[in-house]
Structures are given as C-alpha cells and as structure tokens.
Amino acid sequence: MQWTIGVFAAAGLMAIVAGPGPQIVRRAEASGCINGERIDSSTADMAKKNIEHAGFQQVRDLKKGCDNFWHGKAAREGVDVYVVVSPRGEVMREGD
C-alpha cells in the first residue's frame, strides 16, 4: 500500500515538473509583443483627445500596439478613415 502511494506521488510530481510543455505561451508573445518591449502609460482617452484635436470625429475601435502606437477608426468630413497616434501624440492617417 505504501509503495502505491509513493508511485502515484512520484507520477504526480513528474507531471508537475514536466508541465504542459509548449502549450503555455507568455502573454507578451501571445499578443504579438516581443519580450522586453515596454508598454507606455498612454490611454485610449488620451489618444482619442489627440485624434479629435486633429480634426477627426466619431473616434472608435482604439487599440494599442506593442510599439505604443494607437490604431483606430475616425471620421473626417463624413468619410471613415483609419488613424494612428504615435507615442509622441502625432496623429496620422493609417498608411501615410
């Protein structure tokens, strides 16, 4: 009886030590970020204000990239466009 408990305990310990293997992905890698990249403290509200100050309306779908650029959609003169805000607050149409 003692040896069966020992065998099961050893098997359990081996499973814990071995872990699930390559299925575990670090959060930074899973979101497309490279280890060591530092995400700044800018917020979506800050990016939205910069975009509106640049003359765009209906700002939406803001997402921050690992490079600290904010990407989203906005309207200017009734036309929807993709916009990007740099870490320094510069607003550009995506692709410009």
C-alpha atoms as a PDB file:
ATOM      1  CA  MET A   1       0.000   0.000   0.000  1.00  0.00           C
ATOM      2  CA  GLN A   2       2.838   2.361   0.893  1.00  0.00           C
ATOM      3  CA  TRP A   3       4.610   1.783  -2.393  1.00  0.00           C
ATOM      4  CA  THR A   4       1.438   2.554  -4.458  1.00  0.00           C
ATOM      5  CA  ILE A   5       1.063   5.899  -2.729  1.00  0.00           C
ATOM      6  CA  GLY A   6       4.732   6.574  -3.446  1.00  0.00           C
ATOM      7  CA  VAL A   7       4.316   5.657  -7.113  1.00  0.00           C
ATOM      8  CA  PHE A   8       1.303   7.932  -7.534  1.00  0.00           C
ATOM      9  CA  ALA A   9       3.045  10.749  -5.666  1.00  0.00           C
ATOM     10  CA  ALA A  10       6.128  10.383  -7.883  1.00  0.00           C
ATOM     11  CA  ALA A  11       3.992  10.354 -11.031  1.00  0.00           C
ATOM     12  CA  GLY A  12       2.165  13.464  -9.882  1.00  0.00           C
ATOM     13  CA  LEU A  13       5.426  15.219  -9.100  1.00  0.00           C
ATOM     14  CA  MET A  14       6.804  14.325 -12.529  1.00  0.00           C
ATOM     15  CA  ALA A  15       3.693  15.738 -14.194  1.00  0.00           C
ATOM     16  CA  ILE A  16       4.046  18.985 -12.268  1.00  0.00           C
ATOM     17  CA  VAL A  17       7.747  19.312 -13.042  1.00  0.00           C
ATOM     18  CA  ALA A  18       7.261  18.451 -16.716  1.00  0.00           C
ATOM     19  CA  GLY A  19       4.344  20.859 -17.008  1.00  0.00           C
ATOM     20  CA  PRO A  20       2.064  21.066 -20.003  1.00  0.00           C
ATOM     21  CA  GLY A  21       5.005  21.872 -22.275  1.00  0.00           C
ATOM     22  CA  PRO A  22       4.825  24.144 -25.273  1.00  0.00           C
ATOM     23  CA  GLN A  23       1.111  24.899 -24.940  1.00  0.00           C
ATOM     24  CA  ILE A  24       1.906  27.688 -22.467  1.00  0.00           C
ATOM     25  CA  VAL A  25       2.529  30.985 -24.238  1.00  0.00           C
ATOM     26  CA  ARG A  26       3.676  34.077 -22.425  1.00  0.00           C
ATOM     27  CA  ARG A  27       1.151  36.887 -22.511  1.00  0.00           C
ATOM     28  CA  ALA A  28       3.553  39.258 -24.286  1.00  0.00           C
ATOM     29  CA  GLU A  29       4.175  36.720 -27.043  1.00  0.00           C
ATOM     30  CA  ALA A  30       0.506  35.833 -27.333  1.00  0.00           C
ATOM     31  CA  SER A  31      -0.461  39.442 -28.015  1.00  0.00           C
ATOM     32  CA  GLY A  32       2.302  39.872 -30.599  1.00  0.00           C
ATOM     33  CA  CYS A  33       4.737  41.693 -28.317  1.00  0.00           C
ATOM     34  CA  ILE A  34       8.376  40.720 -28.116  1.00  0.00           C
ATOM     35  CA  ASN A  35       9.916  40.035 -24.724  1.00  0.00           C
ATOM     36  CA  GLY A  36      11.444  43.210 -23.363  1.00  0.00           C
ATOM     37  CA  GLU A  37       9.078  45.622 -25.118  1.00  0.00           C
ATOM     38  CA  ARG A  38       7.835  48.257 -22.711  1.00  0.00           C
ATOM     39  CA  ILE A  39       4.268  49.447 -22.967  1.00  0.00           C
ATOM     40  CA  ASP A  40       3.931  53.112 -22.016  1.00  0.00           C
ATOM     41  CA  SER A  41       1.199  54.601 -19.818  1.00  0.00           C
ATOM     42  CA  SER A  42      -0.796  56.333 -22.564  1.00  0.00           C
ATOM     43  CA  THR A  43      -4.517  55.627 -22.501  1.00  0.00           C
ATOM     44  CA  ALA A  44      -7.263  55.331 -25.090  1.00  0.00           C
ATOM     45  CA  ASP A  45      -8.796  58.554 -23.745  1.00  0.00           C
ATOM     46  CA  MET A  46      -5.514  60.407 -24.346  1.00  0.00           C
ATOM     47  CA  ALA A  47      -5.299  59.025 -27.895  1.00  0.00           C
ATOM     48  CA  LYS A  48      -8.941  59.947 -28.561  1.00  0.00           C
ATOM     49  CA  LYS A  49      -8.350  63.538 -27.442  1.00  0.00           C
ATOM     50  CA  ASN A  50      -5.334  63.823 -29.749  1.00  0.00           C
ATOM     51  CA  ILE A  51      -7.338  62.454 -32.676  1.00  0.00           C
ATOM     52  CA  GLU A  52     -10.254  64.817 -32.028  1.00  0.00           C
ATOM     53  CA  HIS A  53      -7.841  67.756 -31.649  1.00  0.00           C
ATOM     54  CA  ALA A  54      -6.503  66.869 -35.124  1.00  0.00           C
ATOM     55  CA  GLY A  55      -9.987  67.389 -36.578  1.00  0.00           C
ATOM     56  CA  PHE A  56     -11.456  63.896 -36.568  1.00  0.00           C
ATOM     57  CA  GLN A  57     -14.834  62.872 -35.137  1.00  0.00           C
ATOM     58  CA  GLN A  58     -16.511  59.586 -34.193  1.00  0.00           C
ATOM     59  CA  VAL A  59     -13.271  58.083 -32.871  1.00  0.00           C
ATOM     60  CA  ARG A  60     -13.677  54.364 -32.178  1.00  0.00           C
ATOM     61  CA  ASP A  61     -12.052  50.934 -32.075  1.00  0.00           C
ATOM     62  CA  LEU A  62      -8.826  52.201 -30.492  1.00  0.00           C
ATOM     63  CA  LYS A  63      -6.230  49.506 -29.897  1.00  0.00           C
ATOM     64  CA  LYS A  64      -2.696  49.941 -28.650  1.00  0.00           C
ATOM     65  CA  GLY A  65       0.124  48.110 -30.362  1.00  0.00           C
ATOM     66  CA  CYS A  66       3.277  46.766 -28.747  1.00  0.00           C
ATOM     67  CA  ASP A  67       5.094  49.713 -30.318  1.00  0.00           C
ATOM     68  CA  ASN A  68       2.911  52.099 -28.228  1.00  0.00           C
ATOM     69  CA  PHE A  69       1.108  53.430 -31.317  1.00  0.00           C
ATOM     70  CA  TRP A  70      -2.676  53.688 -31.013  1.00  0.00           C
ATOM     71  CA  HIS A  71      -4.672  52.479 -34.046  1.00  0.00           C
ATOM     72  CA  GLY A  72      -8.346  53.137 -34.661  1.00  0.00           C
ATOM     73  CA  LYS A  73     -11.068  54.489 -36.887  1.00  0.00           C
ATOM     74  CA  ALA A  74     -12.428  58.014 -37.106  1.00  0.00           C
ATOM     75  CA  ALA A  75     -14.371  60.222 -39.476  1.00  0.00           C
ATOM     76  CA  ARG A  76     -13.245  63.393 -41.206  1.00  0.00           C
ATOM     77  CA  GLU A  77     -15.629  65.318 -43.429  1.00  0.00           C
ATOM     78  CA  GLY A  78     -18.051  62.398 -43.295  1.00  0.00           C
ATOM     79  CA  VAL A  79     -15.534  59.824 -44.509  1.00  0.00           C
ATOM     80  CA  ASP A  80     -14.331  56.972 -42.267  1.00  0.00           C
ATOM     81  CA  VAL A  81     -10.575  56.537 -42.178  1.00  0.00           C
ATOM     82  CA  TYR A  82      -8.037  54.547 -40.203  1.00  0.00           C
ATOM     83  CA  VAL A  83      -5.889  56.680 -37.923  1.00  0.00           C
ATOM     84  CA  VAL A  84      -2.775  56.133 -35.859  1.00  0.00           C
ATOM     85  CA  VAL A  85      -1.392  58.106 -32.914  1.00  0.00           C
ATOM     86  CA  SER A  86       2.353  57.946 -32.274  1.00  0.00           C
ATOM     87  CA  PRO A  87       3.798  57.708 -28.754  1.00  0.00           C
ATOM     88  CA  ARG A  88       4.569  61.446 -29.043  1.00  0.00           C
ATOM     89  CA  GLY A  89       0.903  62.224 -29.789  1.00  0.00           C
ATOM     90  CA  GLU A  90       1.205  62.809 -33.528  1.00  0.00           C
ATOM     91  CA  VAL A  91      -1.977  61.890 -35.407  1.00  0.00           C
ATOM     92  CA  MET A  92      -1.763  60.468 -38.921  1.00  0.00           C
ATOM     93  CA  ARG A  93      -3.997  58.636 -41.312  1.00  0.00           C
ATOM     94  CA  GLU A  94      -3.004  54.984 -41.312  1.00  0.00           C
ATOM     95  CA  GLY A  95      -0.651  54.321 -44.197  1.00  0.00           C
ATOM     96  CA  ASP A  96       0.549  57.934 -44.556  1.00  0.00           C
END
